[in-house]
Amino acid sequence: YGFNSNHLKTIGNYWLSKYDWRTREKLLNKYPQFTTTIGGLKIHFQHVTSTNNSKYRKTRPLLLLHGWPGSFIEFQKIIPLLIDPKDSDVNFELVIPSLPGYGFSEGAVRPGLGLVET
């Protein structure tokens, strides 16, 4: 009954001795990250633009929102395809927030932060 402690040891050993933390760290640090205060909460977000905007006819803003339970990390591998597409004359300027209580954003401490407020 309950959680299998042997399974927990296997997972812990993997994270301690085999998981490639440096690769994950590089992925997380590849694009700039910021925080801002909205409604009294510290909200984490990424704002990513191309360094080659002059080669695109139009740059459009795009807000990428993760679902529950997710985080901004889900979008890291598609960022280059959106900011510097190979076969398009349109690219995107991205804003990727961490929803309140997820990623590096603060969670609400008072009731009333629902879907509409978020």
PDB file of N, CA and C in Angstrom:
ATOM      1  N   TYR A   1       0.841  -1.175   0.000  1.00  0.00           N
ATOM      2  CA  TYR A   1       0.000   0.000   0.000  1.00  0.00           C
ATOM      3  C   TYR A   1       0.884   1.236   0.000  1.00  0.00           C
ATOM      4  N   GLY A   2       0.532   2.243  -0.775  1.00  0.00           N
ATOM      5  CA  GLY A   2       1.327   3.468  -0.811  1.00  0.00           C
ATOM      6  C   GLY A   2       2.360   3.447  -1.912  1.00  0.00           C
ATOM      7  N   PHE A   3       3.252   4.400  -1.852  1.00  0.00           N
ATOM      8  CA  PHE A   3       4.281   4.557  -2.878  1.00  0.00           C
ATOM      9  C   PHE A   3       5.373   3.516  -2.689  1.00  0.00           C
ATOM     10  N   ASN A   4       5.889   2.972  -3.770  1.00  0.00           N
ATOM     11  CA  ASN A   4       6.943   1.968  -3.739  1.00  0.00           C
ATOM     12  C   ASN A   4       8.290   2.651  -3.479  1.00  0.00           C
ATOM     13  N   SER A   5       8.859   2.425  -2.306  1.00  0.00           N
ATOM     14  CA  SER A   5      10.112   3.093  -1.940  1.00  0.00           C
ATOM     15  C   SER A   5      11.284   2.643  -2.812  1.00  0.00           C
ATOM     16  N   ASN A   6      11.256   1.419  -3.321  1.00  0.00           N
ATOM     17  CA  ASN A   6      12.326   0.973  -4.225  1.00  0.00           C
ATOM     18  C   ASN A   6      12.298   1.772  -5.527  1.00  0.00           C
ATOM     19  N   HIS A   7      11.100   2.058  -5.997  1.00  0.00           N
ATOM     20  CA  HIS A   7      10.960   2.870  -7.209  1.00  0.00           C
ATOM     21  C   HIS A   7      11.504   4.279  -6.960  1.00  0.00           C
ATOM     22  N   LEU A   8      11.210   4.825  -5.796  1.00  0.00           N
ATOM     23  CA  LEU A   8      11.718   6.148  -5.438  1.00  0.00           C
ATOM     24  C   LEU A   8      13.247   6.150  -5.403  1.00  0.00           C
ATOM     25  N   LYS A   9      13.851   5.112  -4.876  1.00  0.00           N
ATOM     26  CA  LYS A   9      15.313   5.011  -4.842  1.00  0.00           C
ATOM     27  C   LYS A   9      15.891   4.950  -6.256  1.00  0.00           C
ATOM     28  N   THR A  10      15.229   4.217  -7.141  1.00  0.00           N
ATOM     29  CA  THR A  10      15.679   4.121  -8.532  1.00  0.00           C
ATOM     30  C   THR A  10      15.644   5.489  -9.206  1.00  0.00           C
ATOM     31  N   ILE A  11      14.553   6.207  -9.009  1.00  0.00           N
ATOM     32  CA  ILE A  11      14.419   7.545  -9.588  1.00  0.00           C
ATOM     33  C   ILE A  11      15.468   8.486  -8.997  1.00  0.00           C
ATOM     34  N   GLY A  12      15.621   8.460  -7.687  1.00  0.00           N
ATOM     35  CA  GLY A  12      16.609   9.311  -7.020  1.00  0.00           C
ATOM     36  C   GLY A  12      18.017   9.032  -7.505  1.00  0.00           C
ATOM     37  N   ASN A  13      18.362   7.764  -7.670  1.00  0.00           N
ATOM     38  CA  ASN A  13      19.688   7.390  -8.160  1.00  0.00           C
ATOM     39  C   ASN A  13      19.906   7.905  -9.583  1.00  0.00           C
ATOM     40  N   TYR A  14      18.883   7.779 -10.420  1.00  0.00           N
ATOM     41  CA  TYR A  14      18.987   8.291 -11.792  1.00  0.00           C
ATOM     42  C   TYR A  14      19.255   9.794 -11.785  1.00  0.00           C
ATOM     43  N   TRP A  15      18.504  10.533 -11.002  1.00  0.00           N
ATOM     44  CA  TRP A  15      18.669  11.990 -10.956  1.00  0.00           C
ATOM     45  C   TRP A  15      20.027  12.380 -10.371  1.00  0.00           C
ATOM     46  N   LEU A  16      20.528  11.613  -9.435  1.00  0.00           N
ATOM     47  CA  LEU A  16      21.818  11.930  -8.816  1.00  0.00           C
ATOM     48  C   LEU A  16      23.009  11.552  -9.683  1.00  0.00           C
ATOM     49  N   SER A  17      22.924  10.428 -10.403  1.00  0.00           N
ATOM     50  CA  SER A  17      24.124   9.931 -11.067  1.00  0.00           C
ATOM     51  C   SER A  17      24.062   9.866 -12.594  1.00  0.00           C
ATOM     52  N   LYS A  18      22.869   9.895 -13.190  1.00  0.00           N
ATOM     53  CA  LYS A  18      22.796   9.710 -14.641  1.00  0.00           C
ATOM     54  C   LYS A  18      22.156  10.865 -15.397  1.00  0.00           C
ATOM     55  N   TYR A  19      21.273  11.596 -14.768  1.00  0.00           N
ATOM     56  CA  TYR A  19      20.566  12.678 -15.461  1.00  0.00           C
ATOM     57  C   TYR A  19      21.550  13.773 -15.858  1.00  0.00           C
ATOM     58  N   ASP A  20      21.417  14.284 -17.076  1.00  0.00           N
ATOM     59  CA  ASP A  20      22.332  15.308 -17.583  1.00  0.00           C
ATOM     60  C   ASP A  20      21.804  16.700 -17.218  1.00  0.00           C
ATOM     61  N   TRP A  21      22.125  17.138 -16.024  1.00  0.00           N
ATOM     62  CA  TRP A  21      21.658  18.433 -15.519  1.00  0.00           C
ATOM     63  C   TRP A  21      22.201  19.588 -16.343  1.00  0.00           C
ATOM     64  N   ARG A  22      23.431  19.502 -16.813  1.00  0.00           N
ATOM     65  CA  ARG A  22      24.042  20.610 -17.559  1.00  0.00           C
ATOM     66  C   ARG A  22      23.338  20.845 -18.895  1.00  0.00           C
ATOM     67  N   THR A  23      22.912  19.786 -19.556  1.00  0.00           N
ATOM     68  CA  THR A  23      22.167  19.943 -20.806  1.00  0.00           C
ATOM     69  C   THR A  23      20.836  20.638 -20.549  1.00  0.00           C
ATOM     70  N   ARG A  24      20.154  20.246 -19.494  1.00  0.00           N
ATOM     71  CA  ARG A  24      18.878  20.879 -19.142  1.00  0.00           C
ATOM     72  C   ARG A  24      19.100  22.343 -18.767  1.00  0.00           C
ATOM     73  N   GLU A  25      20.167  22.601 -18.030  1.00  0.00           N
ATOM     74  CA  GLU A  25      20.499  23.969 -17.634  1.00  0.00           C
ATOM     75  C   GLU A  25      20.762  24.844 -18.866  1.00  0.00           C
ATOM     76  N   LYS A  26      21.476  24.314 -19.850  1.00  0.00           N
ATOM     77  CA  LYS A  26      21.737  25.060 -21.087  1.00  0.00           C
ATOM     78  C   LYS A  26      20.439  25.367 -21.823  1.00  0.00           C
ATOM     79  N   LEU A  27      19.538  24.398 -21.873  1.00  0.00           N
ATOM     80  CA  LEU A  27      18.244  24.615 -22.525  1.00  0.00           C
ATOM     81  C   LEU A  27      17.467  25.728 -21.829  1.00  0.00           C
ATOM     82  N   LEU A  28      17.445  25.708 -20.505  1.00  0.00           N
ATOM     83  CA  LEU A  28      16.703  26.721 -19.750  1.00  0.00           C
ATOM     84  C   LEU A  28      17.330  28.104 -19.865  1.00  0.00           C
ATOM     85  N   ASN A  29      18.636  28.170 -20.035  1.00  0.00           N
ATOM     86  CA  ASN A  29      19.327  29.462 -20.091  1.00  0.00           C
ATOM     87  C   ASN A  29      19.570  29.970 -21.512  1.00  0.00           C
ATOM     88  N   LYS A  30      19.104  29.255 -22.510  1.00  0.00           N
ATOM     89  CA  LYS A  30      19.359  29.638 -23.898  1.00  0.00           C
ATOM     90  C   LYS A  30      18.675  30.952 -24.271  1.00  0.00           C
ATOM     91  N   TYR A  31      17.493  31.205 -23.715  1.00  0.00           N
ATOM     92  CA  TYR A  31      16.728  32.409 -24.044  1.00  0.00           C
ATOM     93  C   TYR A  31      16.515  33.239 -22.785  1.00  0.00           C
ATOM     94  N   PRO A  32      16.414  34.572 -22.950  1.00  0.00           N
ATOM     95  CA  PRO A  32      16.294  35.452 -21.775  1.00  0.00           C
ATOM     96  C   PRO A  32      15.010  35.217 -20.989  1.00  0.00           C
ATOM     97  N   GLN A  33      15.125  35.377 -19.682  1.00  0.00           N
ATOM     98  CA  GLN A  33      13.991  35.221 -18.774  1.00  0.00           C
ATOM     99  C   GLN A  33      13.886  36.459 -17.900  1.00  0.00           C
ATOM    100  N   PHE A  34      12.650  36.812 -17.579  1.00  0.00           N
ATOM    101  CA  PHE A  34      12.389  38.024 -16.813  1.00  0.00           C
ATOM    102  C   PHE A  34      11.295  37.749 -15.795  1.00  0.00           C
ATOM    103  N   THR A  35      11.132  38.675 -14.865  1.00  0.00           N
ATOM    104  CA  THR A  35       9.966  38.669 -13.982  1.00  0.00           C
ATOM    105  C   THR A  35       9.387  40.074 -13.950  1.00  0.00           C
ATOM    106  N   THR A  36       8.096  40.132 -13.736  1.00  0.00           N
ATOM    107  CA  THR A  36       7.392  41.394 -13.564  1.00  0.00           C
ATOM    108  C   THR A  36       6.311  41.168 -12.518  1.00  0.00           C
ATOM    109  N   THR A  37       5.808  42.231 -11.949  1.00  0.00           N
ATOM    110  CA  THR A  37       4.748  42.105 -10.952  1.00  0.00           C
ATOM    111  C   THR A  37       3.417  42.467 -11.595  1.00  0.00           C
ATOM    112  N   ILE A  38       2.475  41.550 -11.514  1.00  0.00           N
ATOM    113  CA  ILE A  38       1.126  41.750 -12.044  1.00  0.00           C
ATOM    114  C   ILE A  38       0.142  41.370 -10.947  1.00  0.00           C
ATOM    115  N   GLY A  39      -0.703  42.312 -10.566  1.00  0.00           N
ATOM    116  CA  GLY A  39      -1.694  42.030  -9.526  1.00  0.00           C
ATOM    117  C   GLY A  39      -1.078  41.596  -8.213  1.00  0.00           C
ATOM    118  N   GLY A  40       0.116  42.099  -7.926  1.00  0.00           N
ATOM    119  CA  GLY A  40       0.790  41.759  -6.677  1.00  0.00           C
ATOM    120  C   GLY A  40       1.578  40.461  -6.716  1.00  0.00           C
ATOM    121  N   LEU A  41       1.570  39.749  -7.842  1.00  0.00           N
ATOM    122  CA  LEU A  41       2.311  38.493  -7.961  1.00  0.00           C
ATOM    123  C   LEU A  41       3.521  38.669  -8.866  1.00  0.00           C
ATOM    124  N   LYS A  42       4.621  38.042  -8.482  1.00  0.00           N
ATOM    125  CA  LYS A  42       5.806  38.037  -9.331  1.00  0.00           C
ATOM    126  C   LYS A  42       5.587  36.983 -10.420  1.00  0.00           C
ATOM    127  N   ILE A  43       5.531  37.442 -11.671  1.00  0.00           N
ATOM    128  CA  ILE A  43       5.265  36.559 -12.802  1.00  0.00           C
ATOM    129  C   ILE A  43       6.520  36.442 -13.667  1.00  0.00           C
ATOM    130  N   HIS A  44       6.907  35.209 -13.920  1.00  0.00           N
ATOM    131  CA  HIS A  44       8.066  34.900 -14.758  1.00  0.00           C
ATOM    132  C   HIS A  44       7.616  34.842 -16.219  1.00  0.00           C
ATOM    133  N   PHE A  45       8.485  35.294 -17.118  1.00  0.00           N
ATOM    134  CA  PHE A  45       8.180  35.160 -18.540  1.00  0.00           C
ATOM    135  C   PHE A  45       9.458  35.201 -19.364  1.00  0.00           C
ATOM    136  N   GLN A  46       9.350  34.702 -20.572  1.00  0.00           N
ATOM    137  CA  GLN A  46      10.412  34.845 -21.555  1.00  0.00           C
ATOM    138  C   GLN A  46       9.912  35.796 -22.635  1.00  0.00           C
ATOM    139  N   HIS A  47      10.801  36.653 -23.100  1.00  0.00           N
ATOM    140  CA  HIS A  47      10.524  37.532 -24.234  1.00  0.00           C
ATOM    141  C   HIS A  47      11.636  37.263 -25.229  1.00  0.00           C
ATOM    142  N   VAL A  48      11.277  36.628 -26.347  1.00  0.00           N
ATOM    143  CA  VAL A  48      12.288  36.170 -27.288  1.00  0.00           C
ATOM    144  C   VAL A  48      12.013  36.759 -28.669  1.00  0.00           C
ATOM    145  N   THR A  49      13.031  37.366 -29.236  1.00  0.00           N
ATOM    146  CA  THR A  49      12.942  37.916 -30.585  1.00  0.00           C
ATOM    147  C   THR A  49      14.115  37.407 -31.412  1.00  0.00           C
ATOM    148  N   SER A  50      13.970  37.516 -32.709  1.00  0.00           N
ATOM    149  CA  SER A  50      15.041  37.109 -33.610  1.00  0.00           C
ATOM    150  C   SER A  50      16.133  38.172 -33.638  1.00  0.00           C
ATOM    151  N   THR A  51      17.337  37.734 -33.860  1.00  0.00           N
ATOM    152  CA  THR A  51      18.427  38.688 -34.080  1.00  0.00           C
ATOM    153  C   THR A  51      18.534  39.024 -35.567  1.00  0.00           C
ATOM    154  N   ASN A  52      17.695  38.373 -36.388  1.00  0.00           N
ATOM    155  CA  ASN A  52      17.722  38.572 -37.844  1.00  0.00           C
ATOM    156  C   ASN A  52      16.419  39.165 -38.371  1.00  0.00           C
ATOM    157  N   ASN A  53      15.782  40.045 -37.623  1.00  0.00           N
ATOM    158  CA  ASN A  53      14.480  40.573 -38.039  1.00  0.00           C
ATOM    159  C   ASN A  53      14.498  41.237 -39.410  1.00  0.00           C
ATOM    160  N   SER A  54      15.612  41.766 -39.834  1.00  0.00           N
ATOM    161  CA  SER A  54      15.668  42.473 -41.117  1.00  0.00           C
ATOM    162  C   SER A  54      15.406  41.545 -42.307  1.00  0.00           C
ATOM    163  N   LYS A  55      15.587  40.251 -42.147  1.00  0.00           N
ATOM    164  CA  LYS A  55      15.360  39.340 -43.275  1.00  0.00           C
ATOM    165  C   LYS A  55      13.891  38.924 -43.410  1.00  0.00           C
ATOM    166  N   TYR A  56      13.046  39.350 -42.474  1.00  0.00           N
ATOM    167  CA  TYR A  56      11.630  38.988 -42.519  1.00  0.00           C
ATOM    168  C   TYR A  56      10.782  40.191 -42.911  1.00  0.00           C
ATOM    169  N   ARG A  57       9.774  39.941 -43.738  1.00  0.00           N
ATOM    170  CA  ARG A  57       8.876  41.002 -44.179  1.00  0.00           C
ATOM    171  C   ARG A  57       8.036  41.508 -43.019  1.00  0.00           C
ATOM    172  N   LYS A  58       7.570  40.593 -42.175  1.00  0.00           N
ATOM    173  CA  LYS A  58       6.742  40.968 -41.025  1.00  0.00           C
ATOM    174  C   LYS A  58       7.164  40.176 -39.801  1.00  0.00           C
ATOM    175  N   THR A  59       7.127  40.851 -38.669  1.00  0.00           N
ATOM    176  CA  THR A  59       7.310  40.189 -37.379  1.00  0.00           C
ATOM    177  C   THR A  59       6.013  40.361 -36.616  1.00  0.00           C
ATOM    178  N   ARG A  60       5.454  39.259 -36.191  1.00  0.00           N
ATOM    179  CA  ARG A  60       4.166  39.289 -35.494  1.00  0.00           C
ATOM    180  C   ARG A  60       4.349  38.866 -34.037  1.00  0.00           C
ATOM    181  N   PRO A  61       3.604  39.496 -33.129  1.00  0.00           N
ATOM    182  CA  PRO A  61       3.671  39.064 -31.728  1.00  0.00           C
ATOM    183  C   PRO A  61       2.904  37.756 -31.544  1.00  0.00           C
ATOM    184  N   LEU A  62       3.413  36.909 -30.669  1.00  0.00           N
ATOM    185  CA  LEU A  62       2.750  35.638 -30.376  1.00  0.00           C
ATOM    186  C   LEU A  62       2.893  35.343 -28.888  1.00  0.00           C
ATOM    187  N   LEU A  63       1.765  35.149 -28.232  1.00  0.00           N
ATOM    188  CA  LEU A  63       1.722  34.799 -26.814  1.00  0.00           C
ATOM    189  C   LEU A  63       1.535  33.296 -26.714  1.00  0.00           C
ATOM    190  N   LEU A  64       2.491  32.611 -26.098  1.00  0.00           N
ATOM    191  CA  LEU A  64       2.413  31.161 -25.918  1.00  0.00           C
ATOM    192  C   LEU A  64       2.067  30.864 -24.464  1.00  0.00           C
ATOM    193  N   LEU A  65       0.939  30.197 -24.246  1.00  0.00           N
ATOM    194  CA  LEU A  65       0.473  29.875 -22.894  1.00  0.00           C
ATOM    195  C   LEU A  65       0.451  28.368 -22.702  1.00  0.00           C
ATOM    196  N   HIS A  66       1.066  27.915 -21.634  1.00  0.00           N
ATOM    197  CA  HIS A  66       1.050  26.487 -21.336  1.00  0.00           C
ATOM    198  C   HIS A  66      -0.253  26.108 -20.648  1.00  0.00           C
ATOM    199  N   GLY A  67      -0.546  24.838 -20.659  1.00  0.00           N
ATOM    200  CA  GLY A  67      -1.739  24.331 -19.987  1.00  0.00           C
ATOM    201  C   GLY A  67      -1.423  23.848 -18.591  1.00  0.00           C
ATOM    202  N   TRP A  68      -2.383  23.174 -18.005  1.00  0.00           N
ATOM    203  CA  TRP A  68      -2.212  22.639 -16.666  1.00  0.00           C
ATOM    204  C   TRP A  68      -1.981  21.153 -16.782  1.00  0.00           C
ATOM    205  N   PRO A  69      -1.073  20.547 -16.114  1.00  0.00           N
ATOM    206  CA  PRO A  69       0.006  21.160 -15.348  1.00  0.00           C
ATOM    207  C   PRO A  69       1.225  21.263 -16.250  1.00  0.00           C
ATOM    208  N   GLY A  70       1.579  22.383 -16.657  1.00  0.00           N
ATOM    209  CA  GLY A  70       2.692  22.544 -17.578  1.00  0.00           C
ATOM    210  C   GLY A  70       3.590  23.685 -17.171  1.00  0.00           C
ATOM    211  N   SER A  71       4.467  24.068 -18.088  1.00  0.00           N
ATOM    212  CA  SER A  71       5.344  25.206 -17.828  1.00  0.00           C
ATOM    213  C   SER A  71       5.891  25.741 -19.141  1.00  0.00           C
ATOM    214  N   PHE A  72       6.583  26.849 -19.055  1.00  0.00           N
ATOM    215  CA  PHE A  72       7.198  27.479 -20.222  1.00  0.00           C
ATOM    216  C   PHE A  72       8.202  26.556 -20.902  1.00  0.00           C
ATOM    217  N   ILE A  73       8.708  25.577 -20.191  1.00  0.00           N
ATOM    218  CA  ILE A  73       9.721  24.663 -20.716  1.00  0.00           C
ATOM    219  C   ILE A  73       9.199  23.898 -21.933  1.00  0.00           C
ATOM    220  N   GLU A  74       7.888  23.679 -21.983  1.00  0.00           N
ATOM    221  CA  GLU A  74       7.294  22.940 -23.097  1.00  0.00           C
ATOM    222  C   GLU A  74       7.582  23.587 -24.448  1.00  0.00           C
ATOM    223  N   PHE A  75       7.841  24.877 -24.479  1.00  0.00           N
ATOM    224  CA  PHE A  75       8.002  25.603 -25.735  1.00  0.00           C
ATOM    225  C   PHE A  75       9.454  25.783 -26.173  1.00  0.00           C
ATOM    226  N   GLN A  76      10.407  25.372 -25.369  1.00  0.00           N
ATOM    227  CA  GLN A  76      11.809  25.691 -25.641  1.00  0.00           C
ATOM    228  C   GLN A  76      12.301  25.177 -26.990  1.00  0.00           C
ATOM    229  N   LYS A  77      11.881  23.988 -27.386  1.00  0.00           N
ATOM    230  CA  LYS A  77      12.392  23.412 -28.637  1.00  0.00           C
ATOM    231  C   LYS A  77      11.756  24.022 -29.882  1.00  0.00           C
ATOM    232  N   ILE A  78      10.590  24.666 -29.764  1.00  0.00           N
ATOM    233  CA  ILE A  78       9.975  25.270 -30.955  1.00  0.00           C
ATOM    234  C   ILE A  78      10.323  26.751 -31.112  1.00  0.00           C
ATOM    235  N   ILE A  79      10.945  27.342 -30.104  1.00  0.00           N
ATOM    236  CA  ILE A  79      11.292  28.770 -30.184  1.00  0.00           C
ATOM    237  C   ILE A  79      12.089  29.095 -31.445  1.00  0.00           C
ATOM    238  N   PRO A  80      13.162  28.362 -31.773  1.00  0.00           N
ATOM    239  CA  PRO A  80      13.926  28.733 -32.968  1.00  0.00           C
ATOM    240  C   PRO A  80      13.101  28.654 -34.253  1.00  0.00           C
ATOM    241  N   LEU A  81      12.148  27.738 -34.308  1.00  0.00           N
ATOM    242  CA  LEU A  81      11.306  27.602 -35.500  1.00  0.00           C
ATOM    243  C   LEU A  81      10.365  28.786 -35.667  1.00  0.00           C
ATOM    244  N   LEU A  82      10.024  29.437 -34.572  1.00  0.00           N
ATOM    245  CA  LEU A  82       9.106  30.574 -34.619  1.00  0.00           C
ATOM    246  C   LEU A  82       9.828  31.909 -34.796  1.00  0.00           C
ATOM    247  N   ILE A  83      10.981  32.057 -34.183  1.00  0.00           N
ATOM    248  CA  ILE A  83      11.678  33.350 -34.293  1.00  0.00           C
ATOM    249  C   ILE A  83      12.522  33.457 -35.560  1.00  0.00           C
ATOM    250  N   ASP A  84      12.988  32.328 -36.074  1.00  0.00           N
ATOM    251  CA  ASP A  84      13.799  32.320 -37.299  1.00  0.00           C
ATOM    252  C   ASP A  84      13.362  31.193 -38.235  1.00  0.00           C
ATOM    253  N   PRO A  85      12.140  31.261 -38.760  1.00  0.00           N
ATOM    254  CA  PRO A  85      11.685  30.193 -39.658  1.00  0.00           C
ATOM    255  C   PRO A  85      12.500  30.184 -40.955  1.00  0.00           C
ATOM    256  N   LYS A  86      12.726  29.011 -41.482  1.00  0.00           N
ATOM    257  CA  LYS A  86      13.574  28.873 -42.679  1.00  0.00           C
ATOM    258  C   LYS A  86      12.834  29.221 -43.970  1.00  0.00           C
ATOM    259  N   ASP A  87      11.562  28.854 -44.078  1.00  0.00           N
ATOM    260  CA  ASP A  87      10.834  28.992 -45.340  1.00  0.00           C
ATOM    261  C   ASP A  87       9.669  29.961 -45.245  1.00  0.00           C
ATOM    262  N   SER A  88       9.876  31.087 -44.599  1.00  0.00           N
ATOM    263  CA  SER A  88       8.796  32.055 -44.441  1.00  0.00           C
ATOM    264  C   SER A  88       9.379  33.458 -44.407  1.00  0.00           C
ATOM    265  N   ASP A  89       8.568  34.419 -44.827  1.00  0.00           N
ATOM    266  CA  ASP A  89       9.016  35.808 -44.709  1.00  0.00           C
ATOM    267  C   ASP A  89       8.387  36.481 -43.492  1.00  0.00           C
ATOM    268  N   VAL A  90       7.716  35.672 -42.663  1.00  0.00           N
ATOM    269  CA  VAL A  90       7.103  36.159 -41.419  1.00  0.00           C
ATOM    270  C   VAL A  90       7.712  35.391 -40.255  1.00  0.00           C
ATOM    271  N   ASN A  91       8.077  36.117 -39.214  1.00  0.00           N
ATOM    272  CA  ASN A  91       8.551  35.466 -37.992  1.00  0.00           C
ATOM    273  C   ASN A  91       7.775  36.019 -36.804  1.00  0.00           C
ATOM    274  N   PHE A  92       8.085  35.521 -35.619  1.00  0.00           N
ATOM    275  CA  PHE A  92       7.324  35.884 -34.435  1.00  0.00           C
ATOM    276  C   PHE A  92       8.218  36.433 -33.333  1.00  0.00           C
ATOM    277  N   GLU A  93       7.682  37.417 -32.622  1.00  0.00           N
ATOM    278  CA  GLU A  93       8.255  37.906 -31.372  1.00  0.00           C
ATOM    279  C   GLU A  93       7.445  37.224 -30.280  1.00  0.00           C
ATOM    280  N   LEU A  94       8.104  36.481 -29.411  1.00  0.00           N
ATOM    281  CA  LEU A  94       7.412  35.613 -28.461  1.00  0.00           C
ATOM    282  C   LEU A  94       7.391  36.175 -27.047  1.00  0.00           C
ATOM    283  N   VAL A  95       6.253  36.015 -26.400  1.00  0.00           N
ATOM    284  CA  VAL A  95       6.125  36.229 -24.964  1.00  0.00           C
ATOM    285  C   VAL A  95       5.579  34.919 -24.406  1.00  0.00           C
ATOM    286  N   ILE A  96       6.329  34.342 -23.464  1.00  0.00           N
ATOM    287  CA  ILE A  96       5.985  33.030 -22.914  1.00  0.00           C
ATOM    288  C   ILE A  96       5.963  33.135 -21.391  1.00  0.00           C
ATOM    289  N   PRO A  97       4.797  33.400 -20.806  1.00  0.00           N
ATOM    290  CA  PRO A  97       4.736  33.526 -19.351  1.00  0.00           C
ATOM    291  C   PRO A  97       4.595  32.169 -18.662  1.00  0.00           C
ATOM    292  N   SER A  98       5.016  32.129 -17.423  1.00  0.00           N
ATOM    293  CA  SER A  98       4.691  31.008 -16.543  1.00  0.00           C
ATOM    294  C   SER A  98       3.431  31.418 -15.796  1.00  0.00           C
ATOM    295  N   LEU A  99       2.380  30.635 -15.920  1.00  0.00           N
ATOM    296  CA  LEU A  99       1.134  30.970 -15.243  1.00  0.00           C
ATOM    297  C   LEU A  99       1.359  31.031 -13.735  1.00  0.00           C
ATOM    298  N   PRO A 100       0.557  31.808 -13.013  1.00  0.00           N
ATOM    299  CA  PRO A 100       0.724  31.906 -11.557  1.00  0.00           C
ATOM    300  C   PRO A 100       0.734  30.523 -10.900  1.00  0.00           C
ATOM    301  N   GLY A 101       1.757  30.295 -10.094  1.00  0.00           N
ATOM    302  CA  GLY A 101       1.884  29.024  -9.390  1.00  0.00           C
ATOM    303  C   GLY A 101       2.652  27.959 -10.158  1.00  0.00           C
ATOM    304  N   TYR A 102       3.144  28.272 -11.347  1.00  0.00           N
ATOM    305  CA  TYR A 102       3.877  27.313 -12.170  1.00  0.00           C
ATOM    306  C   TYR A 102       5.221  27.907 -12.575  1.00  0.00           C
ATOM    307  N   GLY A 103       6.152  27.020 -12.956  1.00  0.00           N
ATOM    308  CA  GLY A 103       7.474  27.493 -13.363  1.00  0.00           C
ATOM    309  C   GLY A 103       8.084  28.351 -12.278  1.00  0.00           C
ATOM    310  N   PHE A 104       8.528  29.535 -12.657  1.00  0.00           N
ATOM    311  CA  PHE A 104       9.160  30.441 -11.707  1.00  0.00           C
ATOM    312  C   PHE A 104       8.239  31.576 -11.285  1.00  0.00           C
ATOM    313  N   SER A 105       6.934  31.448 -11.544  1.00  0.00           N
ATOM    314  CA  SER A 105       5.969  32.468 -11.118  1.00  0.00           C
ATOM    315  C   SER A 105       5.456  32.162  -9.723  1.00  0.00           C
ATOM    316  N   GLU A 106       5.168  33.235  -8.990  1.00  0.00           N
ATOM    317  CA  GLU A 106       4.584  33.084  -7.656  1.00  0.00           C
ATOM    318  C   GLU A 106       3.167  32.546  -7.758  1.00  0.00           C
ATOM    319  N   GLY A 107       2.779  31.792  -6.757  1.00  0.00           N
ATOM    320  CA  GLY A 107       1.404  31.324  -6.674  1.00  0.00           C
ATOM    321  C   GLY A 107       0.559  32.310  -5.885  1.00  0.00           C
ATOM    322  N   ALA A 108      -0.728  32.288  -6.149  1.00  0.00           N
ATOM    323  CA  ALA A 108      -1.644  33.173  -5.429  1.00  0.00           C
ATOM    324  C   ALA A 108      -1.755  32.732  -3.974  1.00  0.00           C
ATOM    325  N   VAL A 109      -1.820  33.701  -3.085  1.00  0.00           N
ATOM    326  CA  VAL A 109      -1.970  33.396  -1.661  1.00  0.00           C
ATOM    327  C   VAL A 109      -3.347  33.804  -1.153  1.00  0.00           C
ATOM    328  N   ARG A 110      -4.150  34.398  -2.026  1.00  0.00           N
ATOM    329  CA  ARG A 110      -5.497  34.796  -1.637  1.00  0.00           C
ATOM    330  C   ARG A 110      -6.483  34.203  -2.638  1.00  0.00           C
ATOM    331  N   PRO A 111      -7.708  33.944  -2.220  1.00  0.00           N
ATOM    332  CA  PRO A 111      -8.706  33.396  -3.144  1.00  0.00           C
ATOM    333  C   PRO A 111      -9.083  34.418  -4.214  1.00  0.00           C
ATOM    334  N   GLY A 112      -9.577  33.930  -5.328  1.00  0.00           N
ATOM    335  CA  GLY A 112     -10.080  34.815  -6.360  1.00  0.00           C
ATOM    336  C   GLY A 112      -9.237  34.900  -7.608  1.00  0.00           C
ATOM    337  N   LEU A 113      -8.161  34.130  -7.704  1.00  0.00           N
ATOM    338  CA  LEU A 113      -7.351  34.139  -8.915  1.00  0.00           C
ATOM    339  C   LEU A 113      -7.750  32.924  -9.746  1.00  0.00           C
ATOM    340  N   GLY A 114      -8.781  33.108 -10.536  1.00  0.00           N
ATOM    341  CA  GLY A 114      -9.291  32.025 -11.367  1.00  0.00           C
ATOM    342  C   GLY A 114      -8.907  32.203 -12.818  1.00  0.00           C
ATOM    343  N   LEU A 115      -9.595  31.476 -13.678  1.00  0.00           N
ATOM    344  CA  LEU A 115      -9.315  31.491 -15.104  1.00  0.00           C
ATOM    345  C   LEU A 115      -9.422  32.888 -15.706  1.00  0.00           C
ATOM    346  N   VAL A 116     -10.474  33.608 -15.378  1.00  0.00           N
ATOM    347  CA  VAL A 116     -10.691  34.943 -15.945  1.00  0.00           C
ATOM    348  C   VAL A 116      -9.593  35.900 -15.503  1.00  0.00           C
ATOM    349  N   GLU A 117      -9.234  35.880 -14.231  1.00  0.00           N
ATOM    350  CA  GLU A 117      -8.219  36.800 -13.709  1.00  0.00           C
ATOM    351  C   GLU A 117      -6.831  36.478 -14.263  1.00  0.00           C
ATOM    352  N   THR A 118      -6.562  35.215 -14.490  1.00  0.00           N
ATOM    353  CA  THR A 118      -5.264  34.818 -15.027  1.00  0.00           C
ATOM    354  C   THR A 118      -5.153  35.259 -16.457  1.00  0.00           C
TER     355      THR A 118
END
